[in-house]
mmCIF file of all heavy atoms, coordinates in Angstrom:
data_MODEL
# 
_entry.id   MODEL 
# 
loop_
_atom_site.group_PDB 
_atom_site.id 
_atom_site.type_symbol 
_atom_site.label_atom_id 
_atom_site.label_alt_id 
_atom_site.label_comp_id 
_atom_site.label_asym_id 
_atom_site.label_entity_id 
_atom_site.label_seq_id 
_atom_site.pdbx_PDB_ins_code 
_atom_site.Cartn_x 
_atom_site.Cartn_y 
_atom_site.Cartn_z 
_atom_site.occupancy 
_atom_site.B_iso_or_equiv 
_atom_site.pdbx_formal_charge 
_atom_site.auth_seq_id 
_atom_site.auth_comp_id 
_atom_site.auth_asym_id 
_atom_site.auth_atom_id 
_atom_site.pdbx_PDB_model_num 
ATOM 1   N N   . PRO A 1 1  ? 10.542 -10.095 -6.803  1.00 0.00 ? 1  PRO A N   1 
ATOM 2   C CA  . PRO A 1 1  ? 10.500 -11.058 -7.912  1.00 0.00 ? 1  PRO A CA  1 
ATOM 3   C C   . PRO A 1 1  ? 10.116 -10.409 -9.194  1.00 0.00 ? 1  PRO A C   1 
ATOM 4   O O   . PRO A 1 1  ? 9.502  -9.318  -9.196  1.00 0.00 ? 1  PRO A O   1 
ATOM 5   C CB  . PRO A 1 1  ? 9.414  -12.062 -7.455  1.00 0.00 ? 1  PRO A CB  1 
ATOM 6   C CG  . PRO A 1 1  ? 8.597  -11.282 -6.521  1.00 0.00 ? 1  PRO A CG  1 
ATOM 7   C CD  . PRO A 1 1  ? 9.478  -10.317 -5.815  1.00 0.00 ? 1  PRO A CD  1 
ATOM 8   N N   . THR A 1 2  ? 10.444 -11.007 -10.320 1.00 0.00 ? 2  THR A N   1 
ATOM 9   C CA  . THR A 1 2  ? 10.066 -10.456 -11.602 1.00 0.00 ? 2  THR A CA  1 
ATOM 10  C C   . THR A 1 2  ? 9.023  -11.295 -12.278 1.00 0.00 ? 2  THR A C   1 
ATOM 11  O O   . THR A 1 2  ? 8.905  -12.506 -12.007 1.00 0.00 ? 2  THR A O   1 
ATOM 12  C CB  . THR A 1 2  ? 11.341 -10.376 -12.510 1.00 0.00 ? 2  THR A CB  1 
ATOM 13  O OG1 . THR A 1 2  ? 11.808 -11.683 -12.688 1.00 0.00 ? 2  THR A OG1 1 
ATOM 14  C CG2 . THR A 1 2  ? 12.381 -9.490  -11.930 1.00 0.00 ? 2  THR A CG2 1 
ATOM 15  N N   . GLU A 1 3  ? 8.278  -10.651 -13.138 1.00 0.00 ? 3  GLU A N   1 
ATOM 16  C CA  . GLU A 1 3  ? 7.262  -11.400 -13.931 1.00 0.00 ? 3  GLU A CA  1 
ATOM 17  C C   . GLU A 1 3  ? 7.800  -11.549 -15.343 1.00 0.00 ? 3  GLU A C   1 
ATOM 18  O O   . GLU A 1 3  ? 8.933  -11.167 -15.611 1.00 0.00 ? 3  GLU A O   1 
ATOM 19  C CB  . GLU A 1 3  ? 5.970  -10.572 -13.917 1.00 0.00 ? 3  GLU A CB  1 
ATOM 20  C CG  . GLU A 1 3  ? 5.348  -10.469 -12.522 1.00 0.00 ? 3  GLU A CG  1 
ATOM 21  C CD  . GLU A 1 3  ? 4.090  -9.662  -12.495 1.00 0.00 ? 3  GLU A CD  1 
ATOM 22  O OE1 . GLU A 1 3  ? 3.986  -8.724  -13.301 1.00 0.00 ? 3  GLU A OE1 1 
ATOM 23  O OE2 . GLU A 1 3  ? 3.196  -9.988  -11.737 1.00 0.00 ? 3  GLU A OE2 1 
ATOM 24  N N   . GLY A 1 4  ? 6.961  -12.073 -16.242 1.00 0.00 ? 4  GLY A N   1 
ATOM 25  C CA  . GLY A 1 4  ? 7.403  -12.309 -17.593 1.00 0.00 ? 4  GLY A CA  1 
ATOM 26  C C   . GLY A 1 4  ? 8.068  -11.132 -18.242 1.00 0.00 ? 4  GLY A C   1 
ATOM 27  O O   . GLY A 1 4  ? 7.656  -9.979  -18.083 1.00 0.00 ? 4  GLY A O   1 
ATOM 28  N N   . GLY A 1 5  ? 9.131  -11.392 -19.003 1.00 0.00 ? 5  GLY A N   1 
ATOM 29  C CA  . GLY A 1 5  ? 9.848  -10.314 -19.676 1.00 0.00 ? 5  GLY A CA  1 
ATOM 30  C C   . GLY A 1 5  ? 10.806 -9.550  -18.753 1.00 0.00 ? 5  GLY A C   1 
ATOM 31  O O   . GLY A 1 5  ? 11.311 -8.466  -19.154 1.00 0.00 ? 5  GLY A O   1 
ATOM 32  N N   . GLY A 1 6  ? 11.025 -10.026 -17.546 1.00 0.00 ? 6  GLY A N   1 
ATOM 33  C CA  . GLY A 1 6  ? 11.937 -9.362  -16.647 1.00 0.00 ? 6  GLY A CA  1 
ATOM 34  C C   . GLY A 1 6  ? 11.384 -8.131  -15.950 1.00 0.00 ? 6  GLY A C   1 
ATOM 35  O O   . GLY A 1 6  ? 12.111 -7.446  -15.222 1.00 0.00 ? 6  GLY A O   1 
ATOM 36  N N   . LYS A 1 7  ? 10.149 -7.828  -16.147 1.00 0.00 ? 7  LYS A N   1 
ATOM 37  C CA  . LYS A 1 7  ? 9.503  -6.655  -15.494 1.00 0.00 ? 7  LYS A CA  1 
ATOM 38  C C   . LYS A 1 7  ? 9.274  -6.950  -14.019 1.00 0.00 ? 7  LYS A C   1 
ATOM 39  O O   . LYS A 1 7  ? 8.688  -7.986  -13.701 1.00 0.00 ? 7  LYS A O   1 
ATOM 40  C CB  . LYS A 1 7  ? 8.200  -6.352  -16.232 1.00 0.00 ? 7  LYS A CB  1 
ATOM 41  C CG  . LYS A 1 7  ? 7.558  -5.089  -15.625 1.00 0.00 ? 7  LYS A CG  1 
ATOM 42  C CD  . LYS A 1 7  ? 6.234  -4.791  -16.425 1.00 0.00 ? 7  LYS A CD  1 
ATOM 43  C CE  . LYS A 1 7  ? 5.537  -3.577  -15.851 1.00 0.00 ? 7  LYS A CE  1 
ATOM 44  N NZ  . LYS A 1 7  ? 4.275  -3.303  -16.561 1.00 0.00 ? 7  LYS A NZ  1 
ATOM 45  N N   . LYS A 1 8  ? 9.706  -6.050  -13.183 1.00 0.00 ? 8  LYS A N   1 
ATOM 46  C CA  . LYS A 1 8  ? 9.535  -6.233  -11.761 1.00 0.00 ? 8  LYS A CA  1 
ATOM 47  C C   . LYS A 1 8  ? 8.071  -6.082  -11.355 1.00 0.00 ? 8  LYS A C   1 
ATOM 48  O O   . LYS A 1 8  ? 7.363  -5.212  -11.887 1.00 0.00 ? 8  LYS A O   1 
ATOM 49  C CB  . LYS A 1 8  ? 10.372 -5.248  -10.966 1.00 0.00 ? 8  LYS A CB  1 
ATOM 50  C CG  . LYS A 1 8  ? 11.865 -5.545  -11.018 1.00 0.00 ? 8  LYS A CG  1 
ATOM 51  C CD  . LYS A 1 8  ? 12.619 -4.533  -10.096 1.00 0.00 ? 8  LYS A CD  1 
ATOM 52  C CE  . LYS A 1 8  ? 14.079 -4.920  -10.011 1.00 0.00 ? 8  LYS A CE  1 
ATOM 53  N NZ  . LYS A 1 8  ? 14.774 -4.751  -11.300 1.00 0.00 ? 8  LYS A NZ  1 
ATOM 54  N N   . LYS A 1 9  ? 7.654  -6.921  -10.491 1.00 0.00 ? 9  LYS A N   1 
ATOM 55  C CA  . LYS A 1 9  ? 6.295  -6.811  -9.976  1.00 0.00 ? 9  LYS A CA  1 
ATOM 56  C C   . LYS A 1 9  ? 6.194  -5.584  -9.048  1.00 0.00 ? 9  LYS A C   1 
ATOM 57  O O   . LYS A 1 9  ? 6.955  -5.472  -8.092  1.00 0.00 ? 9  LYS A O   1 
ATOM 58  C CB  . LYS A 1 9  ? 5.907  -8.092  -9.187  1.00 0.00 ? 9  LYS A CB  1 
ATOM 59  C CG  . LYS A 1 9  ? 4.468  -8.124  -8.728  1.00 0.00 ? 9  LYS A CG  1 
ATOM 60  C CD  . LYS A 1 9  ? 4.182  -9.429  -7.999  1.00 0.00 ? 9  LYS A CD  1 
ATOM 61  C CE  . LYS A 1 9  ? 2.763  -9.491  -7.552  1.00 0.00 ? 9  LYS A CE  1 
ATOM 62  N NZ  . LYS A 1 9  ? 2.458  -10.775 -6.862  1.00 0.00 ? 9  LYS A NZ  1 
ATOM 63  N N   . GLU A 1 10 ? 5.272  -4.726  -9.332  1.00 0.00 ? 10 GLU A N   1 
ATOM 64  C CA  . GLU A 1 10 ? 5.099  -3.510  -8.534  1.00 0.00 ? 10 GLU A CA  1 
ATOM 65  C C   . GLU A 1 10 ? 4.548  -3.855  -7.200  1.00 0.00 ? 10 GLU A C   1 
ATOM 66  O O   . GLU A 1 10 ? 3.608  -4.656  -7.029  1.00 0.00 ? 10 GLU A O   1 
ATOM 67  C CB  . GLU A 1 10 ? 4.175  -2.535  -9.280  1.00 0.00 ? 10 GLU A CB  1 
ATOM 68  C CG  . GLU A 1 10 ? 4.771  -1.980  -10.561 1.00 0.00 ? 10 GLU A CG  1 
ATOM 69  C CD  . GLU A 1 10 ? 3.857  -0.952  -11.250 1.00 0.00 ? 10 GLU A CD  1 
ATOM 70  O OE1 . GLU A 1 10 ? 2.805  -0.636  -10.615 1.00 0.00 ? 10 GLU A OE1 1 
ATOM 71  O OE2 . GLU A 1 10 ? 4.181  -0.475  -12.315 1.00 0.00 ? 10 GLU A OE2 1 
ATOM 72  N N   . ARG A 1 11 ? 5.070  -3.162  -6.177  1.00 0.00 ? 11 ARG A N   1 
ATOM 73  C CA  . ARG A 1 11 ? 4.598  -3.348  -4.842  1.00 0.00 ? 11 ARG A CA  1 
ATOM 74  C C   . ARG A 1 11 ? 3.289  -2.551  -4.651  1.00 0.00 ? 11 ARG A C   1 
ATOM 75  O O   . ARG A 1 11 ? 3.233  -1.346  -4.944  1.00 0.00 ? 11 ARG A O   1 
ATOM 76  C CB  . ARG A 1 11 ? 5.614  -2.873  -3.799  1.00 0.00 ? 11 ARG A CB  1 
ATOM 77  C CG  . ARG A 1 11 ? 5.234  -3.102  -2.375  1.00 0.00 ? 11 ARG A CG  1 
ATOM 78  C CD  . ARG A 1 11 ? 6.284  -2.660  -1.420  1.00 0.00 ? 11 ARG A CD  1 
ATOM 79  N NE  . ARG A 1 11 ? 7.498  -3.406  -1.573  1.00 0.00 ? 11 ARG A NE  1 
ATOM 80  C CZ  . ARG A 1 11 ? 8.633  -3.018  -1.030  1.00 0.00 ? 11 ARG A CZ  1 
ATOM 81  N NH1 . ARG A 1 11 ? 8.734  -1.923  -0.368  1.00 0.00 ? 11 ARG A NH1 1 
ATOM 82  N NH2 . ARG A 1 11 ? 9.717  -3.763  -1.206  1.00 0.00 ? 11 ARG A NH2 1 
ATOM 83  N N   . LYS A 1 12 ? 2.268  -3.211  -4.255  1.00 0.00 ? 12 LYS A N   1 
ATOM 84  C CA  . LYS A 1 12 ? 0.933  -2.534  -4.185  1.00 0.00 ? 12 LYS A CA  1 
ATOM 85  C C   . LYS A 1 12 ? 0.881  -1.611  -3.067  1.00 0.00 ? 12 LYS A C   1 
ATOM 86  O O   . LYS A 1 12 ? 0.287  -0.518  -3.084  1.00 0.00 ? 12 LYS A O   1 
ATOM 87  C CB  . LYS A 1 12 ? -0.137 -3.626  -4.020  1.00 0.00 ? 12 LYS A CB  1 
ATOM 88  C CG  . LYS A 1 12 ? -1.547 -3.049  -3.959  1.00 0.00 ? 12 LYS A CG  1 
ATOM 89  C CD  . LYS A 1 12 ? -2.573 -4.201  -3.856  1.00 0.00 ? 12 LYS A CD  1 
ATOM 90  C CE  . LYS A 1 12 ? -3.966 -3.675  -3.748  1.00 0.00 ? 12 LYS A CE  1 
ATOM 91  N NZ  . LYS A 1 12 ? -4.985 -4.764  -3.618  1.00 0.00 ? 12 LYS A NZ  1 
ATOM 92  N N   . HIS A 1 13 ? 1.514  -1.951  -1.890  1.00 0.00 ? 13 HIS A N   1 
ATOM 93  C CA  . HIS A 1 13 ? 1.388  -1.165  -0.711  1.00 0.00 ? 13 HIS A CA  1 
ATOM 94  C C   . HIS A 1 13 ? 2.762  -0.479  -0.402  1.00 0.00 ? 13 HIS A C   1 
ATOM 95  O O   . HIS A 1 13 ? 3.708  -1.083  0.025   1.00 0.00 ? 13 HIS A O   1 
ATOM 96  C CB  . HIS A 1 13 ? 0.962  -1.978  0.477   1.00 0.00 ? 13 HIS A CB  1 
ATOM 97  C CG  . HIS A 1 13 ? -0.355 -2.673  0.283   1.00 0.00 ? 13 HIS A CG  1 
ATOM 98  N ND1 . HIS A 1 13 ? -1.550 -1.930  0.346   1.00 0.00 ? 13 HIS A ND1 1 
ATOM 99  C CD2 . HIS A 1 13 ? -0.698 -3.932  -0.040  1.00 0.00 ? 13 HIS A CD2 1 
ATOM 100 C CE1 . HIS A 1 13 ? -2.528 -2.803  0.135   1.00 0.00 ? 13 HIS A CE1 1 
ATOM 101 N NE2 . HIS A 1 13 ? -2.074 -4.001  -0.096  1.00 0.00 ? 13 HIS A NE2 1 
ATOM 102 N N   . ALA A 1 14 ? 2.770  0.845   -0.561  1.00 0.00 ? 14 ALA A N   1 
ATOM 103 C CA  . ALA A 1 14 ? 4.028  1.609   -0.385  1.00 0.00 ? 14 ALA A CA  1 
ATOM 104 C C   . ALA A 1 14 ? 4.476  1.621   1.064   1.00 0.00 ? 14 ALA A C   1 
ATOM 105 O O   . ALA A 1 14 ? 5.666  1.785   1.338   1.00 0.00 ? 14 ALA A O   1 
ATOM 106 C CB  . ALA A 1 14 ? 3.806  3.044   -0.882  1.00 0.00 ? 14 ALA A CB  1 
ATOM 107 N N   . ASN A 1 15 ? 3.543  1.448   2.012   1.00 0.00 ? 15 ASN A N   1 
ATOM 108 C CA  . ASN A 1 15 ? 3.903  1.524   3.437   1.00 0.00 ? 15 ASN A CA  1 
ATOM 109 C C   . ASN A 1 15 ? 4.256  0.151   4.032   1.00 0.00 ? 15 ASN A C   1 
ATOM 110 O O   . ASN A 1 15 ? 4.303  -0.008  5.207   1.00 0.00 ? 15 ASN A O   1 
ATOM 111 C CB  . ASN A 1 15 ? 2.790  2.221   4.251   1.00 0.00 ? 15 ASN A CB  1 
ATOM 112 C CG  . ASN A 1 15 ? 1.494  1.432   4.203   1.00 0.00 ? 15 ASN A CG  1 
ATOM 113 O OD1 . ASN A 1 15 ? 1.396  0.412   3.553   1.00 0.00 ? 15 ASN A OD1 1 
ATOM 114 N ND2 . ASN A 1 15 ? 0.492  1.931   4.872   1.00 0.00 ? 15 ASN A ND2 1 
ATOM 115 N N   . HIS A 1 16 ? 4.425  -0.795  3.156   1.00 0.00 ? 16 HIS A N   1 
ATOM 116 C CA  . HIS A 1 16 ? 4.881  -2.137  3.614   1.00 0.00 ? 16 HIS A CA  1 
ATOM 117 C C   . HIS A 1 16 ? 6.369  -2.259  3.207   1.00 0.00 ? 16 HIS A C   1 
ATOM 118 O O   . HIS A 1 16 ? 6.710  -2.062  2.052   1.00 0.00 ? 16 HIS A O   1 
ATOM 119 C CB  . HIS A 1 16 ? 4.070  -3.246  2.970   1.00 0.00 ? 16 HIS A CB  1 
ATOM 120 C CG  . HIS A 1 16 ? 4.394  -4.595  3.488   1.00 0.00 ? 16 HIS A CG  1 
ATOM 121 N ND1 . HIS A 1 16 ? 4.698  -5.639  2.656   1.00 0.00 ? 16 HIS A ND1 1 
ATOM 122 C CD2 . HIS A 1 16 ? 4.489  -5.083  4.724   1.00 0.00 ? 16 HIS A CD2 1 
ATOM 123 C CE1 . HIS A 1 16 ? 4.973  -6.726  3.407   1.00 0.00 ? 16 HIS A CE1 1 
ATOM 124 N NE2 . HIS A 1 16 ? 4.827  -6.442  4.659   1.00 0.00 ? 16 HIS A NE2 1 
ATOM 125 N N   . VAL A 1 17 ? 7.251  -2.622  4.170   1.00 0.00 ? 17 VAL A N   1 
ATOM 126 C CA  . VAL A 1 17 ? 8.652  -2.550  3.899   1.00 0.00 ? 17 VAL A CA  1 
ATOM 127 C C   . VAL A 1 17 ? 9.223  -3.843  3.315   1.00 0.00 ? 17 VAL A C   1 
ATOM 128 O O   . VAL A 1 17 ? 10.418 -3.974  3.122   1.00 0.00 ? 17 VAL A O   1 
ATOM 129 C CB  . VAL A 1 17 ? 9.439  -2.239  5.155   1.00 0.00 ? 17 VAL A CB  1 
ATOM 130 C CG1 . VAL A 1 17 ? 9.088  -0.825  5.654   1.00 0.00 ? 17 VAL A CG1 1 
ATOM 131 C CG2 . VAL A 1 17 ? 9.191  -3.229  6.260   1.00 0.00 ? 17 VAL A CG2 1 
ATOM 132 N N   . GLY A 1 18 ? 8.368  -4.803  2.972   1.00 0.00 ? 18 GLY A N   1 
ATOM 133 C CA  . GLY A 1 18 ? 8.843  -5.975  2.288   1.00 0.00 ? 18 GLY A CA  1 
ATOM 134 C C   . GLY A 1 18 ? 8.280  -7.274  2.828   1.00 0.00 ? 18 GLY A C   1 
ATOM 135 O O   . GLY A 1 18 ? 7.785  -7.309  3.941   1.00 0.00 ? 18 GLY A O   1 
ATOM 136 N N   . SER A 1 19 ? 8.329  -8.323  2.079   1.00 0.00 ? 19 SER A N   1 
ATOM 137 C CA  . SER A 1 19 ? 7.773  -9.615  2.476   1.00 0.00 ? 19 SER A CA  1 
ATOM 138 C C   . SER A 1 19 ? 8.840  -10.482 3.094   1.00 0.00 ? 19 SER A C   1 
ATOM 139 O O   . SER A 1 19 ? 9.951  -10.592 2.548   1.00 0.00 ? 19 SER A O   1 
ATOM 140 C CB  . SER A 1 19 ? 7.128  -10.303 1.278   1.00 0.00 ? 19 SER A CB  1 
ATOM 141 O OG  . SER A 1 19 ? 6.794  -11.652 1.625   1.00 0.00 ? 19 SER A OG  1 
ATOM 142 N N   . LEU A 1 20 ? 8.548  -11.179 4.162   1.00 0.00 ? 20 LEU A N   1 
ATOM 143 C CA  . LEU A 1 20 ? 9.483  -12.125 4.784   1.00 0.00 ? 20 LEU A CA  1 
ATOM 144 C C   . LEU A 1 20 ? 8.768  -13.455 4.955   1.00 0.00 ? 20 LEU A C   1 
ATOM 145 O O   . LEU A 1 20 ? 8.757  -14.051 6.025   1.00 0.00 ? 20 LEU A O   1 
ATOM 146 C CB  . LEU A 1 20 ? 9.925  -11.584 6.155   1.00 0.00 ? 20 LEU A CB  1 
ATOM 147 C CG  . LEU A 1 20 ? 10.777 -10.345 6.144   1.00 0.00 ? 20 LEU A CG  1 
ATOM 148 C CD1 . LEU A 1 20 ? 10.925 -9.742  7.561   1.00 0.00 ? 20 LEU A CD1 1 
ATOM 149 C CD2 . LEU A 1 20 ? 12.163 -10.578 5.593   1.00 0.00 ? 20 LEU A CD2 1 
ATOM 150 N N   . THR A 1 21 ? 8.151  -13.920 3.869   1.00 0.00 ? 21 THR A N   1 
ATOM 151 C CA  . THR A 1 21 ? 7.313  -15.106 3.921   1.00 0.00 ? 21 THR A CA  1 
ATOM 152 C C   . THR A 1 21 ? 8.013  -16.280 4.552   1.00 0.00 ? 21 THR A C   1 
ATOM 153 O O   . THR A 1 21 ? 7.398  -17.058 5.344   1.00 0.00 ? 21 THR A O   1 
ATOM 154 C CB  . THR A 1 21 ? 6.870  -15.487 2.498   1.00 0.00 ? 21 THR A CB  1 
ATOM 155 O OG1 . THR A 1 21 ? 6.283  -14.351 1.910   1.00 0.00 ? 21 THR A OG1 1 
ATOM 156 C CG2 . THR A 1 21 ? 5.864  -16.649 2.569   1.00 0.00 ? 21 THR A CG2 1 
ATOM 157 N N   . PHE A 1 22 ? 9.297  -16.481 4.270   1.00 0.00 ? 22 PHE A N   1 
ATOM 158 C CA  . PHE A 1 22 ? 9.966  -17.670 4.775   1.00 0.00 ? 22 PHE A CA  1 
ATOM 159 C C   . PHE A 1 22 ? 10.864 -17.362 5.974   1.00 0.00 ? 22 PHE A C   1 
ATOM 160 O O   . PHE A 1 22 ? 11.766 -18.144 6.333   1.00 0.00 ? 22 PHE A O   1 
ATOM 161 C CB  . PHE A 1 22 ? 10.789 -18.265 3.615   1.00 0.00 ? 22 PHE A CB  1 
ATOM 162 C CG  . PHE A 1 22 ? 9.971  -18.670 2.472   1.00 0.00 ? 22 PHE A CG  1 
ATOM 163 C CD1 . PHE A 1 22 ? 9.935  -17.940 1.303   1.00 0.00 ? 22 PHE A CD1 1 
ATOM 164 C CD2 . PHE A 1 22 ? 9.144  -19.791 2.546   1.00 0.00 ? 22 PHE A CD2 1 
ATOM 165 C CE1 . PHE A 1 22 ? 9.167  -18.329 0.219   1.00 0.00 ? 22 PHE A CE1 1 
ATOM 166 C CE2 . PHE A 1 22 ? 8.335  -20.177 1.496   1.00 0.00 ? 22 PHE A CE2 1 
ATOM 167 C CZ  . PHE A 1 22 ? 8.347  -19.400 0.306   1.00 0.00 ? 22 PHE A CZ  1 
ATOM 168 N N   . HIS A 1 23 ? 10.627 -16.226 6.607   1.00 0.00 ? 23 HIS A N   1 
ATOM 169 C CA  . HIS A 1 23 ? 11.463 -15.957 7.790   1.00 0.00 ? 23 HIS A CA  1 
ATOM 170 C C   . HIS A 1 23 ? 11.194 -16.977 8.879   1.00 0.00 ? 23 HIS A C   1 
ATOM 171 O O   . HIS A 1 23 ? 10.095 -17.385 9.131   1.00 0.00 ? 23 HIS A O   1 
ATOM 172 C CB  . HIS A 1 23 ? 11.087 -14.553 8.323   1.00 0.00 ? 23 HIS A CB  1 
ATOM 173 C CG  . HIS A 1 23 ? 11.879 -14.159 9.527   1.00 0.00 ? 23 HIS A CG  1 
ATOM 174 N ND1 . HIS A 1 23 ? 13.158 -13.662 9.440   1.00 0.00 ? 23 HIS A ND1 1 
ATOM 175 C CD2 . HIS A 1 23 ? 11.606 -14.175 10.889  1.00 0.00 ? 23 HIS A CD2 1 
ATOM 176 C CE1 . HIS A 1 23 ? 13.620 -13.416 10.644  1.00 0.00 ? 23 HIS A CE1 1 
ATOM 177 N NE2 . HIS A 1 23 ? 12.704 -13.720 11.526  1.00 0.00 ? 23 HIS A NE2 1 
ATOM 178 N N   . GLU A 1 24 ? 12.285 -17.416 9.519   1.00 0.00 ? 24 GLU A N   1 
ATOM 179 C CA  . GLU A 1 24 ? 12.172 -18.401 10.561  1.00 0.00 ? 24 GLU A CA  1 
ATOM 180 C C   . GLU A 1 24 ? 12.107 -17.751 11.939  1.00 0.00 ? 24 GLU A C   1 
ATOM 181 O O   . GLU A 1 24 ? 12.979 -17.038 12.337  1.00 0.00 ? 24 GLU A O   1 
ATOM 182 C CB  . GLU A 1 24 ? 13.370 -19.380 10.542  1.00 0.00 ? 24 GLU A CB  1 
ATOM 183 C CG  . GLU A 1 24 ? 13.308 -20.489 11.587  1.00 0.00 ? 24 GLU A CG  1 
ATOM 184 C CD  . GLU A 1 24 ? 14.510 -21.385 11.540  1.00 0.00 ? 24 GLU A CD  1 
ATOM 185 O OE1 . GLU A 1 24 ? 15.406 -21.165 10.694  1.00 0.00 ? 24 GLU A OE1 1 
ATOM 186 O OE2 . GLU A 1 24 ? 14.519 -22.346 12.331  1.00 0.00 ? 24 GLU A OE2 1 
ATOM 187 N N   . PHE A 1 25 ? 11.018 -18.035 12.640  1.00 0.00 ? 25 PHE A N   1 
ATOM 188 C CA  . PHE A 1 25 ? 10.841 -17.507 14.017  1.00 0.00 ? 25 PHE A CA  1 
ATOM 189 C C   . PHE A 1 25 ? 11.285 -18.599 14.959  1.00 0.00 ? 25 PHE A C   1 
ATOM 190 O O   . PHE A 1 25 ? 10.803 -19.741 14.899  1.00 0.00 ? 25 PHE A O   1 
ATOM 191 C CB  . PHE A 1 25 ? 9.408  -17.080 14.275  1.00 0.00 ? 25 PHE A CB  1 
ATOM 192 C CG  . PHE A 1 25 ? 8.943  -15.975 13.353  1.00 0.00 ? 25 PHE A CG  1 
ATOM 193 C CD1 . PHE A 1 25 ? 8.272  -16.230 12.172  1.00 0.00 ? 25 PHE A CD1 1 
ATOM 194 C CD2 . PHE A 1 25 ? 9.252  -14.662 13.683  1.00 0.00 ? 25 PHE A CD2 1 
ATOM 195 C CE1 . PHE A 1 25 ? 7.900  -15.161 11.349  1.00 0.00 ? 25 PHE A CE1 1 
ATOM 196 C CE2 . PHE A 1 25 ? 8.842  -13.597 12.873  1.00 0.00 ? 25 PHE A CE2 1 
ATOM 197 C CZ  . PHE A 1 25 ? 8.173  -13.858 11.694  1.00 0.00 ? 25 PHE A CZ  1 
ATOM 198 N N   . LYS A 1 26 ? 12.230 -18.293 15.874  1.00 0.00 ? 26 LYS A N   1 
ATOM 199 C CA  . LYS A 1 26 ? 12.899 -19.339 16.614  1.00 0.00 ? 26 LYS A CA  1 
ATOM 200 C C   . LYS A 1 26 ? 12.559 -19.406 18.118  1.00 0.00 ? 26 LYS A C   1 
ATOM 201 O O   . LYS A 1 26 ? 13.104 -20.249 18.785  1.00 0.00 ? 26 LYS A O   1 
ATOM 202 C CB  . LYS A 1 26 ? 14.410 -19.138 16.442  1.00 0.00 ? 26 LYS A CB  1 
ATOM 203 C CG  . LYS A 1 26 ? 14.890 -19.205 15.004  1.00 0.00 ? 26 LYS A CG  1 
ATOM 204 C CD  . LYS A 1 26 ? 16.389 -18.955 14.896  1.00 0.00 ? 26 LYS A CD  1 
ATOM 205 C CE  . LYS A 1 26 ? 16.868 -19.009 13.430  1.00 0.00 ? 26 LYS A CE  1 
ATOM 206 N NZ  . LYS A 1 26 ? 18.353 -18.763 13.365  1.00 0.00 ? 26 LYS A NZ  1 
# 
């Protein structure tokens, strides 16, 4: 996601491969 001015939010943890907050576990 981007913050104000179109600047991308920096990922704090380099060893995390991404967020899947809304992933559906079935």
